[in-house]
C-alpha atoms as a PDB file:
ATOM      1  CA  UNK A   1      45.635  59.325 -21.215  1.00  0.00           C
ATOM      2  CA  UNK A   2      47.778  56.606 -19.693  1.00  0.00           C
ATOM      3  CA  UNK A   3      49.609  59.220 -17.599  1.00  0.00           C
ATOM      4  CA  UNK A   4      46.331  60.484 -16.128  1.00  0.00           C
ATOM      5  CA  UNK A   5      45.218  56.990 -15.152  1.00  0.00           C
ATOM      6  CA  UNK A   6      48.591  56.320 -13.488  1.00  0.00           C
ATOM      7  CA  UNK A   7      48.355  59.652 -11.688  1.00  0.00           C
ATOM      8  CA  UNK A   8      44.829  59.035 -10.393  1.00  0.00           C
ATOM      9  CA  UNK A   9      45.705  55.474  -9.324  1.00  0.00           C
ATOM     10  CA  UNK A  10      48.731  56.764  -7.431  1.00  0.00           C
ATOM     11  CA  UNK A  11      46.619  59.461  -5.809  1.00  0.00           C
ATOM     12  CA  UNK A  12      43.994  56.985  -4.571  1.00  0.00           C
ATOM     13  CA  UNK A  13      46.617  54.643  -3.139  1.00  0.00           C
ATOM     14  CA  UNK A  14      48.553  57.474  -1.467  1.00  0.00           C
ATOM     15  CA  UNK A  15      45.507  59.218   0.054  1.00  0.00           C
ATOM     16  CA  UNK A  16      45.409  56.795   3.000  1.00  0.00           C
ATOM     17  CA  UNK A  17      49.094  57.343   3.723  1.00  0.00           C
ATOM     18  CA  UNK A  18      48.636  61.115   3.703  1.00  0.00           C
ATOM     19  CA  UNK A  19      45.593  60.828   5.963  1.00  0.00           C
ATOM     20  CA  UNK A  20      47.432  58.644   8.472  1.00  0.00           C
ATOM     21  CA  UNK A  21      50.410  60.989   8.672  1.00  0.00           C
ATOM     22  CA  UNK A  22      48.109  64.001   8.993  1.00  0.00           C
ATOM     23  CA  UNK A  23      46.234  62.371  11.874  1.00  0.00           C
ATOM     24  CA  UNK A  24      49.521  61.513  13.587  1.00  0.00           C
ATOM     25  CA  UNK A  25      50.701  65.084  13.163  1.00  0.00           C
ATOM     26  CA  UNK A  26      47.448  66.449  14.600  1.00  0.00           C
ATOM     27  CA  UNK A  27      47.664  64.089  17.591  1.00  0.00           C
ATOM     28  CA  UNK A  28      51.263  65.113  18.269  1.00  0.00           C
ATOM     29  CA  UNK A  29      50.323  68.781  17.995  1.00  0.00           C
ATOM     30  CA  UNK A  30      47.468  68.281  20.460  1.00  0.00           C
ATOM     31  CA  UNK A  31      49.779  66.583  22.931  1.00  0.00           C
ATOM     32  CA  UNK A  32      52.348  69.356  22.682  1.00  0.00           C
ATOM     33  CA  UNK A  33      49.667  72.032  23.022  1.00  0.00           C
ATOM     34  CA  UNK A  34      48.488  70.350  26.230  1.00  0.00           C
ATOM     35  CA  UNK A  35      52.038  70.344  27.614  1.00  0.00           C
ATOM     36  CA  UNK A  36      52.536  74.006  26.743  1.00  0.00           C
ATOM     37  CA  UNK A  37      49.171  74.861  28.290  1.00  0.00           C
ATOM     38  CA  UNK A  38      50.097  73.091  31.518  1.00  0.00           C
ATOM     39  CA  UNK A  39      53.448  74.879  31.656  1.00  0.00           C
ATOM     40  CA  UNK A  40      51.746  78.245  31.166  1.00  0.00           C
ATOM     41  CA  UNK A  41      49.145  77.333  33.788  1.00  0.00           C
ATOM     42  CA  UNK A  42      51.800  76.508  36.368  1.00  0.00           C
ATOM     43  CA  UNK A  43      53.615  79.752  35.528  1.00  0.00           C
ATOM     44  CA  UNK A  44      50.357  81.683  35.978  1.00  0.00           C
ATOM     45  CA  UNK A  45      49.820  79.941  39.316  1.00  0.00           C
ATOM     46  CA  UNK A  46      53.295  80.980  40.471  1.00  0.00           C
ATOM     47  CA  UNK A  47      52.682  84.585  39.432  1.00  0.00           C
ATOM     48  CA  UNK A  48      49.290  84.547  41.159  1.00  0.00           C
ATOM     49  CA  UNK A  49      50.919  83.138  44.312  1.00  0.00           C
ATOM     50  CA  UNK A  50      53.433  85.973  44.271  1.00  0.00           C
ATOM     51  CA  UNK A  51      50.593  88.487  43.947  1.00  0.00           C
ATOM     52  CA  UNK A  52      48.853  86.816  46.880  1.00  0.00           C
ATOM     53  CA  UNK A  53      52.035  86.787  48.989  1.00  0.00           C
ATOM     54  CA  UNK A  54      52.627  90.475  48.303  1.00  0.00           C
ATOM     55  CA  UNK A  55      49.124  91.256  49.535  1.00  0.00           C
ATOM     56  CA  UNK A  56      47.822  92.540  46.220  1.00  0.00           C
ATOM     57  CA  UNK A  57      44.056  92.886  46.124  1.00  0.00           C
ATOM     58  CA  UNK A  58      43.545  90.823  42.958  1.00  0.00           C
ATOM     59  CA  UNK A  59      45.820  87.952  44.141  1.00  0.00           C
ATOM     60  CA  UNK A  60      42.978  85.647  45.173  1.00  0.00           C
ATOM     61  CA  UNK A  61      41.154  86.177  41.903  1.00  0.00           C
ATOM     62  CA  UNK A  62      44.335  85.402  39.942  1.00  0.00           C
ATOM     63  CA  UNK A  63      44.907  82.181  41.901  1.00  0.00           C
ATOM     64  CA  UNK A  64      41.331  81.092  41.252  1.00  0.00           C
ATOM     65  CA  UNK A  65      41.634  81.866  37.543  1.00  0.00           C
ATOM     66  CA  UNK A  66      44.947  79.991  37.263  1.00  0.00           C
ATOM     67  CA  UNK A  67      43.566  76.911  39.035  1.00  0.00           C
ATOM     68  CA  UNK A  68      40.435  76.921  36.860  1.00  0.00           C
ATOM     69  CA  UNK A  69      42.579  77.220  33.729  1.00  0.00           C
ATOM     70  CA  UNK A  70      44.721  74.261  34.777  1.00  0.00           C
ATOM     71  CA  UNK A  71      41.604  72.191  35.503  1.00  0.00           C
ATOM     72  CA  UNK A  72      40.187  72.983  32.064  1.00  0.00           C
ATOM     73  CA  UNK A  73      43.444  71.934  30.401  1.00  0.00           C
ATOM     74  CA  UNK A  74      43.593  68.689  32.391  1.00  0.00           C
ATOM     75  CA  UNK A  75      39.981  67.725  31.675  1.00  0.00           C
ATOM     76  CA  UNK A  76      39.961  68.752  27.994  1.00  0.00           C
ATOM     77  CA  UNK A  77      41.194  65.373  26.735  1.00  0.00           C
ATOM     78  CA  UNK A  78      38.580  63.489  28.731  1.00  0.00           C
ATOM     79  CA  UNK A  79      35.830  65.821  27.572  1.00  0.00           C
ATOM     80  CA  UNK A  80      36.790  65.443  23.925  1.00  0.00           C
ATOM     81  CA  UNK A  81      36.920  61.648  24.211  1.00  0.00           C
ATOM     82  CA  UNK A  82      33.528  61.567  25.932  1.00  0.00           C
ATOM     83  CA  UNK A  83      31.930  63.827  23.328  1.00  0.00           C
ATOM     84  CA  UNK A  84      33.355  61.733  20.497  1.00  0.00           C
ATOM     85  CA  UNK A  85      31.969  58.530  21.989  1.00  0.00           C
ATOM     86  CA  UNK A  86      28.548  60.108  22.558  1.00  0.00           C
ATOM     87  CA  UNK A  87      28.471  61.447  18.995  1.00  0.00           C
ATOM     88  CA  UNK A  88      29.475  58.048  17.613  1.00  0.00           C
ATOM     89  CA  UNK A  89      32.833  59.190  16.264  1.00  0.00           C
ATOM     90  CA  UNK A  90      35.964  57.118  16.128  1.00  0.00           C
END
């Protein structure tokens, strides 16, 4: 019985530490995902520019799609922060 009480006490004290490290990991993952998304967006913009320079018919559409994708990636952080503040989250 004493072992169970020690185990539960340890669990309750360690839960905050696990939560903090999990939040830090999620924040780091979000930051890296944003960087990867921007890199892919720039690559897509370069490919779309090549299509446009070669005179391909869908070049303009590809440039527009690449620019819109980059704008979505850049504004995602602001949108999430705004929605959290409106919803009353932390």
